[in-house]
Amino acid sequence: MASSKSKQYRRKTEKAGLNNPEIGRNHWHRKPQTQVVGNKKAEQRRTQCRNKGRSDGAYFLSAG
């Protein structure tokens, strides 16, 4: 797939030693930092729901 003319121009100027404006831009992340949960079990449950039932080895065992 061919690059756009603007991307070709940015690469050309970067090779010439000029600044690339893409460097200062923010990168897109899947989840904002405020939604990240440090709870491992919650993350396993979410991934299991996203995988629609395919198990990743996380099983819930009730005590009783």
Protein backbone atom coordinates (compact mmCIF):
# COMPACT_ATOMS: atom_id res chain seq x y z
CA MET A 1 0.00 0.00 0.00
CA ALA A 2 1.39 3.37 -0.98
CA SER A 3 2.09 6.09 1.55
CA SER A 4 0.28 9.39 1.34
CA LYS A 5 2.10 12.39 -0.06
CA SER A 6 2.11 14.11 3.31
CA LYS A 7 3.72 11.05 4.95
CA GLN A 8 6.31 10.86 2.17
CA TYR A 9 7.08 14.55 2.72
CA ARG A 10 7.45 14.02 6.49
CA ARG A 11 9.85 11.11 5.93
CA LYS A 12 11.85 13.13 3.42
CA THR A 13 12.21 16.10 5.78
CA GLU A 14 13.10 13.77 8.67
CA LYS A 15 15.88 12.19 6.61
CA ALA A 16 17.13 15.68 5.79
CA GLY A 17 17.52 16.32 9.53
CA LEU A 18 14.44 18.47 10.15
CA ASN A 19 11.90 17.84 12.91
CA ASN A 20 9.09 15.38 12.36
CA PRO A 21 5.75 16.70 13.74
CA GLU A 22 4.54 13.14 14.41
CA ILE A 23 7.01 12.84 17.30
CA GLY A 24 5.14 15.34 19.46
CA ARG A 25 1.72 13.80 18.91
CA ASN A 26 0.08 11.51 21.44
CA HIS A 27 -0.27 7.86 20.60
CA TRP A 28 -3.68 6.19 20.82
CA HIS A 29 -4.05 3.65 23.62
CA ARG A 30 -6.77 1.03 23.89
CA LYS A 31 -7.78 2.01 27.43
CA PRO A 32 -7.32 5.31 29.21
CA GLN A 33 -5.16 5.09 32.32
CA THR A 34 -8.19 5.84 34.52
CA GLN A 35 -9.87 2.58 33.43
CA VAL A 36 -6.92 0.31 34.13
CA VAL A 37 -7.67 -1.95 37.10
CA GLY A 38 -4.81 -3.34 39.14
CA ASN A 39 -6.92 -6.34 40.14
CA LYS A 40 -5.69 -9.42 38.29
CA LYS A 41 -8.89 -11.45 38.76
CA ALA A 42 -11.03 -8.61 37.39
CA GLU A 43 -8.77 -8.39 34.35
CA GLN A 44 -9.06 -12.16 33.81
CA ARG A 45 -12.87 -11.97 34.02
CA ARG A 46 -12.93 -9.11 31.53
CA THR A 47 -10.70 -10.92 29.06
CA GLN A 48 -12.78 -14.08 29.40
CA CYS A 49 -15.94 -12.09 28.63
CA ARG A 50 -14.23 -10.43 25.68
CA ASN A 51 -13.17 -13.83 24.36
CA LYS A 52 -16.80 -14.98 24.63
CA GLY A 53 -16.23 -17.96 26.85
CA ARG A 54 -12.86 -19.16 25.59
CA SER A 55 -10.94 -20.01 28.70
CA ASP A 56 -7.52 -18.57 29.48
CA GLY A 57 -6.98 -20.78 32.52
CA ALA A 58 -8.85 -18.55 35.02
CA TYR A 59 -11.51 -20.58 36.80
CA PHE A 60 -13.69 -19.55 39.71
CA LEU A 61 -13.72 -22.12 42.51
CA SER A 62 -16.33 -21.66 45.22
CA ALA A 63 -15.43 -22.56 48.80
CA GLY A 64 -18.27 -24.72 49.82
